[in-house]
């Protein structure tokens, strides 16, 4: 999931930060699909972990996972400039 997510985010930089409405729509659809898959995967692991690991340890695992995810998102945010705004709102 992560390589596909990076590809979606990086495709905006390949077009000089100017994207069409259709490209934006496609990238958002892909982004939300990936985020949904990620959440489903976490829920599946939660169910598995819950069956064999105490709740506090499962909670701590997901805290650590969220911190790692935040670091990755921060790195992406530093590297990826915002797209150019379209002045027509």
PDB file of N, CA and C in Angstrom:
ATOM      1  N   UNK A   1       0.819  -1.192   0.000  1.00  0.00           N
ATOM      2  CA  UNK A   1       0.000   0.000   0.000  1.00  0.00           C
ATOM      3  C   UNK A   1       0.860   1.252   0.000  1.00  0.00           C
ATOM      4  N   UNK A   2       1.929   1.235   0.747  1.00  0.00           N
ATOM      5  CA  UNK A   2       2.752   2.427   0.860  1.00  0.00           C
ATOM      6  C   UNK A   2       3.374   2.848  -0.467  1.00  0.00           C
ATOM      7  N   UNK A   3       3.957   1.926  -1.268  1.00  0.00           N
ATOM      8  CA  UNK A   3       4.509   2.365  -2.552  1.00  0.00           C
ATOM      9  C   UNK A   3       3.449   2.988  -3.467  1.00  0.00           C
ATOM     10  N   UNK A   4       2.241   2.424  -3.470  1.00  0.00           N
ATOM     11  CA  UNK A   4       1.173   2.978  -4.307  1.00  0.00           C
ATOM     12  C   UNK A   4       0.789   4.373  -3.821  1.00  0.00           C
ATOM     13  N   UNK A   5       0.755   4.553  -2.514  1.00  0.00           N
ATOM     14  CA  UNK A   5       0.413   5.853  -1.939  1.00  0.00           C
ATOM     15  C   UNK A   5       1.471   6.884  -2.319  1.00  0.00           C
ATOM     16  N   UNK A   6       2.725   6.497  -2.245  1.00  0.00           N
ATOM     17  CA  UNK A   6       3.802   7.409  -2.631  1.00  0.00           C
ATOM     18  C   UNK A   6       3.694   7.769  -4.105  1.00  0.00           C
ATOM     19  N   UNK A   7       3.346   6.815  -4.933  1.00  0.00           N
ATOM     20  CA  UNK A   7       3.204   7.076  -6.368  1.00  0.00           C
ATOM     21  C   UNK A   7       2.106   8.095  -6.625  1.00  0.00           C
ATOM     22  N   UNK A   8       1.000   7.968  -5.911  1.00  0.00           N
ATOM     23  CA  UNK A   8      -0.104   8.921  -6.068  1.00  0.00           C
ATOM     24  C   UNK A   8       0.350  10.309  -5.650  1.00  0.00           C
ATOM     25  N   UNK A   9       0.976  10.412  -4.511  1.00  0.00           N
ATOM     26  CA  UNK A   9       1.397  11.718  -4.016  1.00  0.00           C
ATOM     27  C   UNK A   9       2.492  12.327  -4.891  1.00  0.00           C
ATOM     28  N   UNK A  10       3.404  11.498  -5.375  1.00  0.00           N
ATOM     29  CA  UNK A  10       4.496  12.005  -6.194  1.00  0.00           C
ATOM     30  C   UNK A  10       4.056  12.364  -7.605  1.00  0.00           C
ATOM     31  N   UNK A  11       2.958  11.825  -8.071  1.00  0.00           N
ATOM     32  CA  UNK A  11       2.512  12.148  -9.426  1.00  0.00           C
ATOM     33  C   UNK A  11       2.171  13.625  -9.541  1.00  0.00           C
ATOM     34  N   UNK A  12       1.781  14.252  -8.452  1.00  0.00           N
ATOM     35  CA  UNK A  12       1.499  15.694  -8.476  1.00  0.00           C
ATOM     36  C   UNK A  12       2.779  16.486  -8.741  1.00  0.00           C
ATOM     37  N   UNK A  13       3.904  16.014  -8.238  1.00  0.00           N
ATOM     38  CA  UNK A  13       5.153  16.744  -8.444  1.00  0.00           C
ATOM     39  C   UNK A  13       5.648  16.586  -9.879  1.00  0.00           C
ATOM     40  N   UNK A  14       5.262  15.520 -10.531  1.00  0.00           N
ATOM     41  CA  UNK A  14       5.709  15.289 -11.900  1.00  0.00           C
ATOM     42  C   UNK A  14       5.016  16.202 -12.906  1.00  0.00           C
ATOM     43  N   UNK A  15       3.936  16.817 -12.498  1.00  0.00           N
ATOM     44  CA  UNK A  15       3.191  17.681 -13.410  1.00  0.00           C
ATOM     45  C   UNK A  15       3.374  19.150 -13.052  1.00  0.00           C
ATOM     46  N   UNK A  16       4.521  19.470 -12.470  1.00  0.00           N
ATOM     47  CA  UNK A  16       4.838  20.851 -12.097  1.00  0.00           C
ATOM     48  C   UNK A  16       3.799  21.467 -11.173  1.00  0.00           C
ATOM     49  N   UNK A  17       3.219  20.658 -10.330  1.00  0.00           N
ATOM     50  CA  UNK A  17       2.283  21.104  -9.310  1.00  0.00           C
ATOM     51  C   UNK A  17       0.982  21.669  -9.860  1.00  0.00           C
ATOM     52  N   UNK A  18       0.738  21.470 -11.136  1.00  0.00           N
ATOM     53  CA  UNK A  18      -0.526  21.895 -11.732  1.00  0.00           C
ATOM     54  C   UNK A  18      -1.230  20.630 -12.204  1.00  0.00           C
ATOM     55  N   UNK A  19      -2.408  20.377 -11.657  1.00  0.00           N
ATOM     56  CA  UNK A  19      -3.131  19.173 -12.031  1.00  0.00           C
ATOM     57  C   UNK A  19      -4.541  19.533 -12.457  1.00  0.00           C
ATOM     58  N   UNK A  20      -5.123  18.672 -13.253  1.00  0.00           N
ATOM     59  CA  UNK A  20      -6.497  18.884 -13.716  1.00  0.00           C
ATOM     60  C   UNK A  20      -7.475  18.434 -12.630  1.00  0.00           C
ATOM     61  N   UNK A  21      -8.718  18.828 -12.788  1.00  0.00           N
ATOM     62  CA  UNK A  21      -9.768  18.394 -11.861  1.00  0.00           C
ATOM     63  C   UNK A  21      -9.883  16.874 -11.873  1.00  0.00           C
ATOM     64  N   UNK A  22      -9.795  16.274 -13.074  1.00  0.00           N
ATOM     65  CA  UNK A  22      -9.917  14.815 -13.175  1.00  0.00           C
ATOM     66  C   UNK A  22      -8.753  14.120 -12.481  1.00  0.00           C
ATOM     67  N   UNK A  23      -7.547  14.650 -12.653  1.00  0.00           N
ATOM     68  CA  UNK A  23      -6.387  14.063 -11.973  1.00  0.00           C
ATOM     69  C   UNK A  23      -6.541  14.161 -10.466  1.00  0.00           C
ATOM     70  N   UNK A  24      -7.003  15.314  -9.986  1.00  0.00           N
ATOM     71  CA  UNK A  24      -7.211  15.495  -8.542  1.00  0.00           C
ATOM     72  C   UNK A  24      -8.250  14.504  -8.031  1.00  0.00           C
ATOM     73  N   UNK A  25      -9.333  14.348  -8.777  1.00  0.00           N
ATOM     74  CA  UNK A  25     -10.387  13.406  -8.388  1.00  0.00           C
ATOM     75  C   UNK A  25      -9.842  11.985  -8.338  1.00  0.00           C
ATOM     76  N   UNK A  26      -9.076  11.596  -9.355  1.00  0.00           N
ATOM     77  CA  UNK A  26      -8.504  10.246  -9.397  1.00  0.00           C
ATOM     78  C   UNK A  26      -7.529  10.009  -8.252  1.00  0.00           C
ATOM     79  N   UNK A  27      -6.667  10.990  -7.992  1.00  0.00           N
ATOM     80  CA  UNK A  27      -5.688  10.839  -6.915  1.00  0.00           C
ATOM     81  C   UNK A  27      -6.380  10.755  -5.556  1.00  0.00           C
ATOM     82  N   UNK A  28      -7.425  11.556  -5.344  1.00  0.00           N
ATOM     83  CA  UNK A  28      -8.155  11.487  -4.080  1.00  0.00           C
ATOM     84  C   UNK A  28      -8.859  10.145  -3.912  1.00  0.00           C
ATOM     85  N   UNK A  29      -9.446   9.640  -4.974  1.00  0.00           N
ATOM     86  CA  UNK A  29     -10.113   8.331  -4.907  1.00  0.00           C
ATOM     87  C   UNK A  29      -9.105   7.244  -4.544  1.00  0.00           C
ATOM     88  N   UNK A  30      -7.947   7.283  -5.156  1.00  0.00           N
ATOM     89  CA  UNK A  30      -6.905   6.307  -4.858  1.00  0.00           C
ATOM     90  C   UNK A  30      -6.418   6.456  -3.425  1.00  0.00           C
ATOM     91  N   UNK A  31      -6.203   7.697  -3.006  1.00  0.00           N
ATOM     92  CA  UNK A  31      -5.747   7.960  -1.639  1.00  0.00           C
ATOM     93  C   UNK A  31      -6.738   7.395  -0.614  1.00  0.00           C
ATOM     94  N   UNK A  32      -8.035   7.683  -0.795  1.00  0.00           N
ATOM     95  CA  UNK A  32      -9.030   7.204   0.163  1.00  0.00           C
ATOM     96  C   UNK A  32      -9.184   5.688   0.116  1.00  0.00           C
ATOM     97  N   UNK A  33      -9.019   5.090  -1.061  1.00  0.00           N
ATOM     98  CA  UNK A  33      -9.061   3.622  -1.159  1.00  0.00           C
ATOM     99  C   UNK A  33      -7.919   3.013  -0.362  1.00  0.00           C
ATOM    100  N   UNK A  34      -6.719   3.583  -0.513  1.00  0.00           N
ATOM    101  CA  UNK A  34      -5.550   3.079   0.204  1.00  0.00           C
ATOM    102  C   UNK A  34      -5.727   3.247   1.711  1.00  0.00           C
ATOM    103  N   UNK A  35      -6.217   4.413   2.129  1.00  0.00           N
ATOM    104  CA  UNK A  35      -6.445   4.647   3.562  1.00  0.00           C
ATOM    105  C   UNK A  35      -7.474   3.658   4.118  1.00  0.00           C
ATOM    106  N   UNK A  36      -8.513   3.367   3.337  1.00  0.00           N
ATOM    107  CA  UNK A  36      -9.519   2.388   3.760  1.00  0.00           C
ATOM    108  C   UNK A  36      -8.928   0.996   3.905  1.00  0.00           C
ATOM    109  N   UNK A  37      -8.079   0.613   2.956  1.00  0.00           N
ATOM    110  CA  UNK A  37      -7.424  -0.691   3.023  1.00  0.00           C
ATOM    111  C   UNK A  37      -6.517  -0.773   4.243  1.00  0.00           C
ATOM    112  N   UNK A  38      -5.828   0.319   4.520  1.00  0.00           N
ATOM    113  CA  UNK A  38      -4.933   0.356   5.674  1.00  0.00           C
ATOM    114  C   UNK A  38      -5.727   0.187   6.969  1.00  0.00           C
ATOM    115  N   UNK A  39      -6.859   0.855   7.082  1.00  0.00           N
ATOM    116  CA  UNK A  39      -7.695   0.742   8.265  1.00  0.00           C
ATOM    117  C   UNK A  39      -8.240  -0.686   8.411  1.00  0.00           C
ATOM    118  N   UNK A  40      -8.680  -1.282   7.313  1.00  0.00           N
ATOM    119  CA  UNK A  40      -9.176  -2.666   7.365  1.00  0.00           C
ATOM    120  C   UNK A  40      -8.081  -3.614   7.838  1.00  0.00           C
ATOM    121  N   UNK A  41      -6.866  -3.413   7.357  1.00  0.00           N
ATOM    122  CA  UNK A  41      -5.752  -4.262   7.759  1.00  0.00           C
ATOM    123  C   UNK A  41      -5.471  -4.121   9.256  1.00  0.00           C
ATOM    124  N   UNK A  42      -5.500  -2.880   9.751  1.00  0.00           N
ATOM    125  CA  UNK A  42      -5.284  -2.656  11.180  1.00  0.00           C
ATOM    126  C   UNK A  42      -6.387  -3.322  12.002  1.00  0.00           C
ATOM    127  N   UNK A  43      -7.615  -3.254  11.530  1.00  0.00           N
ATOM    128  CA  UNK A  43      -8.724  -3.882  12.247  1.00  0.00           C
ATOM    129  C   UNK A  43      -8.570  -5.402  12.269  1.00  0.00           C
ATOM    130  N   UNK A  44      -8.102  -5.978  11.174  1.00  0.00           N
ATOM    131  CA  UNK A  44      -7.876  -7.423  11.134  1.00  0.00           C
ATOM    132  C   UNK A  44      -6.789  -7.828  12.133  1.00  0.00           C
ATOM    133  N   UNK A  45      -5.700  -7.058  12.166  1.00  0.00           N
ATOM    134  CA  UNK A  45      -4.632  -7.371  13.106  1.00  0.00           C
ATOM    135  C   UNK A  45      -5.083  -7.144  14.540  1.00  0.00           C
ATOM    136  N   UNK A  46      -5.901  -6.133  14.763  1.00  0.00           N
ATOM    137  CA  UNK A  46      -6.435  -5.898  16.108  1.00  0.00           C
ATOM    138  C   UNK A  46      -7.188  -7.131  16.592  1.00  0.00           C
ATOM    139  N   UNK A  47      -8.025  -7.668  15.750  1.00  0.00           N
ATOM    140  CA  UNK A  47      -8.803  -8.858  16.112  1.00  0.00           C
ATOM    141  C   UNK A  47      -7.880 -10.034  16.427  1.00  0.00           C
ATOM    142  N   UNK A  48      -6.864 -10.224  15.603  1.00  0.00           N
ATOM    143  CA  UNK A  48      -5.925 -11.334  15.834  1.00  0.00           C
ATOM    144  C   UNK A  48      -5.124 -11.122  17.113  1.00  0.00           C
ATOM    145  N   UNK A  49      -4.605  -9.907  17.288  1.00  0.00           N
ATOM    146  CA  UNK A  49      -3.803  -9.607  18.477  1.00  0.00           C
ATOM    147  C   UNK A  49      -4.632  -9.745  19.745  1.00  0.00           C
ATOM    148  N   UNK A  50      -5.845  -9.251  19.689  1.00  0.00           N
ATOM    149  CA  UNK A  50      -6.739  -9.247  20.845  1.00  0.00           C
ATOM    150  C   UNK A  50      -6.955 -10.665  21.377  1.00  0.00           C
ATOM    151  N   UNK A  51      -6.923 -11.632  20.504  1.00  0.00           N
ATOM    152  CA  UNK A  51      -7.163 -13.019  20.906  1.00  0.00           C
ATOM    153  C   UNK A  51      -5.996 -13.613  21.700  1.00  0.00           C
ATOM    154  N   UNK A  52      -4.788 -13.067  21.534  1.00  0.00           N
ATOM    155  CA  UNK A  52      -3.629 -13.705  22.174  1.00  0.00           C
ATOM    156  C   UNK A  52      -2.740 -12.754  22.988  1.00  0.00           C
ATOM    157  N   UNK A  53      -2.991 -11.460  22.914  1.00  0.00           N
ATOM    158  CA  UNK A  53      -2.140 -10.482  23.604  1.00  0.00           C
ATOM    159  C   UNK A  53      -3.029  -9.613  24.500  1.00  0.00           C
ATOM    160  N   UNK A  54      -2.554  -9.265  25.690  1.00  0.00           N
ATOM    161  CA  UNK A  54      -3.343  -8.382  26.561  1.00  0.00           C
ATOM    162  C   UNK A  54      -3.650  -7.039  25.885  1.00  0.00           C
ATOM    163  N   UNK A  55      -4.799  -6.486  26.211  1.00  0.00           N
ATOM    164  CA  UNK A  55      -5.285  -5.263  25.564  1.00  0.00           C
ATOM    165  C   UNK A  55      -4.292  -4.106  25.673  1.00  0.00           C
ATOM    166  N   UNK A  56      -3.635  -3.957  26.820  1.00  0.00           N
ATOM    167  CA  UNK A  56      -2.672  -2.858  26.989  1.00  0.00           C
ATOM    168  C   UNK A  56      -1.517  -2.969  25.994  1.00  0.00           C
ATOM    169  N   UNK A  57      -1.063  -4.186  25.757  1.00  0.00           N
ATOM    170  CA  UNK A  57       0.044  -4.375  24.805  1.00  0.00           C
ATOM    171  C   UNK A  57      -0.418  -4.129  23.377  1.00  0.00           C
ATOM    172  N   UNK A  58      -1.629  -4.524  23.068  1.00  0.00           N
ATOM    173  CA  UNK A  58      -2.183  -4.263  21.741  1.00  0.00           C
ATOM    174  C   UNK A  58      -2.316  -2.759  21.541  1.00  0.00           C
ATOM    175  N   UNK A  59      -2.814  -2.077  22.569  1.00  0.00           N
ATOM    176  CA  UNK A  59      -2.963  -0.628  22.493  1.00  0.00           C
ATOM    177  C   UNK A  59      -1.601   0.025  22.256  1.00  0.00           C
ATOM    178  N   UNK A  60      -0.600  -0.410  23.013  1.00  0.00           N
ATOM    179  CA  UNK A  60       0.753   0.148  22.852  1.00  0.00           C
ATOM    180  C   UNK A  60       1.293  -0.117  21.455  1.00  0.00           C
ATOM    181  N   UNK A  61       1.051  -1.293  20.919  1.00  0.00           N
ATOM    182  CA  UNK A  61       1.494  -1.600  19.561  1.00  0.00           C
ATOM    183  C   UNK A  61       0.918  -0.590  18.572  1.00  0.00           C
ATOM    184  N   UNK A  62      -0.383  -0.327  18.681  1.00  0.00           N
ATOM    185  CA  UNK A  62      -1.011   0.598  17.741  1.00  0.00           C
ATOM    186  C   UNK A  62      -0.581   2.042  17.987  1.00  0.00           C
ATOM    187  N   UNK A  63      -0.226   2.379  19.234  1.00  0.00           N
ATOM    188  CA  UNK A  63       0.354   3.699  19.480  1.00  0.00           C
ATOM    189  C   UNK A  63       1.672   3.848  18.731  1.00  0.00           C
ATOM    190  N   UNK A  64       2.508   2.847  18.829  1.00  0.00           N
ATOM    191  CA  UNK A  64       3.804   2.875  18.141  1.00  0.00           C
ATOM    192  C   UNK A  64       3.594   2.907  16.631  1.00  0.00           C
ATOM    193  N   UNK A  65       2.658   2.104  16.141  1.00  0.00           N
ATOM    194  CA  UNK A  65       2.356   2.086  14.710  1.00  0.00           C
ATOM    195  C   UNK A  65       1.915   3.472  14.235  1.00  0.00           C
ATOM    196  N   UNK A  66       1.087   4.134  15.030  1.00  0.00           N
ATOM    197  CA  UNK A  66       0.625   5.472  14.671  1.00  0.00           C
ATOM    198  C   UNK A  66       1.761   6.485  14.680  1.00  0.00           C
ATOM    199  N   UNK A  67       2.693   6.356  15.611  1.00  0.00           N
ATOM    200  CA  UNK A  67       3.848   7.262  15.640  1.00  0.00           C
ATOM    201  C   UNK A  67       4.731   7.065  14.415  1.00  0.00           C
ATOM    202  N   UNK A  68       4.939   5.821  14.022  1.00  0.00           N
ATOM    203  CA  UNK A  68       5.724   5.541  12.817  1.00  0.00           C
ATOM    204  C   UNK A  68       5.022   6.116  11.595  1.00  0.00           C
ATOM    205  N   UNK A  69       3.712   5.920  11.514  1.00  0.00           N
ATOM    206  CA  UNK A  69       2.934   6.468  10.408  1.00  0.00           C
ATOM    207  C   UNK A  69       3.038   7.995  10.375  1.00  0.00           C
ATOM    208  N   UNK A  70       3.010   8.630  11.544  1.00  0.00           N
ATOM    209  CA  UNK A  70       3.132  10.094  11.611  1.00  0.00           C
ATOM    210  C   UNK A  70       4.496  10.550  11.100  1.00  0.00           C
ATOM    211  N   UNK A  71       5.543   9.807  11.416  1.00  0.00           N
ATOM    212  CA  UNK A  71       6.888  10.150  10.924  1.00  0.00           C
ATOM    213  C   UNK A  71       6.955  10.040   9.400  1.00  0.00           C
ATOM    214  N   UNK A  72       6.347   8.997   8.869  1.00  0.00           N
ATOM    215  CA  UNK A  72       6.328   8.816   7.414  1.00  0.00           C
ATOM    216  C   UNK A  72       5.559   9.948   6.750  1.00  0.00           C
ATOM    217  N   UNK A  73       4.397  10.290   7.316  1.00  0.00           N
ATOM    218  CA  UNK A  73       3.593  11.381   6.762  1.00  0.00           C
ATOM    219  C   UNK A  73       4.340  12.712   6.835  1.00  0.00           C
ATOM    220  N   UNK A  74       5.054  12.923   7.923  1.00  0.00           N
ATOM    221  CA  UNK A  74       5.837  14.154   8.080  1.00  0.00           C
ATOM    222  C   UNK A  74       6.925  14.233   7.010  1.00  0.00           C
ATOM    223  N   UNK A  75       7.584  13.124   6.759  1.00  0.00           N
ATOM    224  CA  UNK A  75       8.624  13.078   5.730  1.00  0.00           C
ATOM    225  C   UNK A  75       8.040  13.387   4.355  1.00  0.00           C
ATOM    226  N   UNK A  76       6.892  12.806   4.057  1.00  0.00           N
ATOM    227  CA  UNK A  76       6.226  13.066   2.776  1.00  0.00           C
ATOM    228  C   UNK A  76       5.846  14.540   2.681  1.00  0.00           C
ATOM    229  N   UNK A  77       5.296  15.083   3.763  1.00  0.00           N
ATOM    230  CA  UNK A  77       4.861  16.485   3.765  1.00  0.00           C
ATOM    231  C   UNK A  77       6.027  17.435   3.531  1.00  0.00           C
ATOM    232  N   UNK A  78       7.197  17.100   4.064  1.00  0.00           N
ATOM    233  CA  UNK A  78       8.372  17.947   3.856  1.00  0.00           C
ATOM    234  C   UNK A  78       8.834  17.932   2.403  1.00  0.00           C
ATOM    235  N   UNK A  79       8.665  16.809   1.733  1.00  0.00           N
ATOM    236  CA  UNK A  79       9.165  16.644   0.368  1.00  0.00           C
ATOM    237  C   UNK A  79       8.176  17.060  -0.710  1.00  0.00           C
ATOM    238  N   UNK A  80       6.902  17.056  -0.381  1.00  0.00           N
ATOM    239  CA  UNK A  80       5.871  17.278  -1.390  1.00  0.00           C
ATOM    240  C   UNK A  80       5.280  18.678  -1.256  1.00  0.00           C
ATOM    241  N   UNK A  81       5.571  19.548  -2.214  1.00  0.00           N
ATOM    242  CA  UNK A  81       4.973  20.884  -2.139  1.00  0.00           C
ATOM    243  C   UNK A  81       3.488  20.822  -2.489  1.00  0.00           C
ATOM    244  N   UNK A  82       2.779  21.854  -2.094  1.00  0.00           N
ATOM    245  CA  UNK A  82       1.355  21.926  -2.401  1.00  0.00           C
ATOM    246  C   UNK A  82       1.150  22.201  -3.880  1.00  0.00           C
ATOM    247  N   UNK A  83       0.040  21.712  -4.417  1.00  0.00           N
ATOM    248  CA  UNK A  83      -0.272  21.994  -5.815  1.00  0.00           C
ATOM    249  C   UNK A  83      -0.646  23.469  -5.950  1.00  0.00           C
ATOM    250  N   UNK A  84      -0.553  23.981  -7.166  1.00  0.00           N
ATOM    251  CA  UNK A  84      -0.919  25.369  -7.420  1.00  0.00           C
ATOM    252  C   UNK A  84      -2.426  25.515  -7.318  1.00  0.00           C
ATOM    253  N   UNK A  85      -2.889  26.546  -6.610  1.00  0.00           N
ATOM    254  CA  UNK A  85      -4.336  26.730  -6.504  1.00  0.00           C
ATOM    255  C   UNK A  85      -4.921  27.234  -7.808  1.00  0.00           C
ATOM    256  N   UNK A  86      -6.111  26.788  -8.065  1.00  0.00           N
ATOM    257  CA  UNK A  86      -6.853  27.287  -9.200  1.00  0.00           C
ATOM    258  C   UNK A  86      -7.684  28.451  -8.675  1.00  0.00           C
ATOM    259  N   UNK A  87      -7.527  29.619  -9.220  1.00  0.00           N
ATOM    260  CA  UNK A  87      -8.145  30.788  -8.642  1.00  0.00           C
ATOM    261  C   UNK A  87      -9.664  30.825  -8.831  1.00  0.00           C
ATOM    262  N   UNK A  88     -10.210  29.866  -9.534  1.00  0.00           N
ATOM    263  CA  UNK A  88     -11.661  29.802  -9.704  1.00  0.00           C
ATOM    264  C   UNK A  88     -12.252  28.906  -8.638  1.00  0.00           C
ATOM    265  N   UNK A  89     -12.979  29.474  -7.704  1.00  0.00           N
ATOM    266  CA  UNK A  89     -13.606  28.688  -6.639  1.00  0.00           C
ATOM    267  C   UNK A  89     -15.076  28.636  -6.839  1.00  0.00           C
TER     268      UNK A  89
END
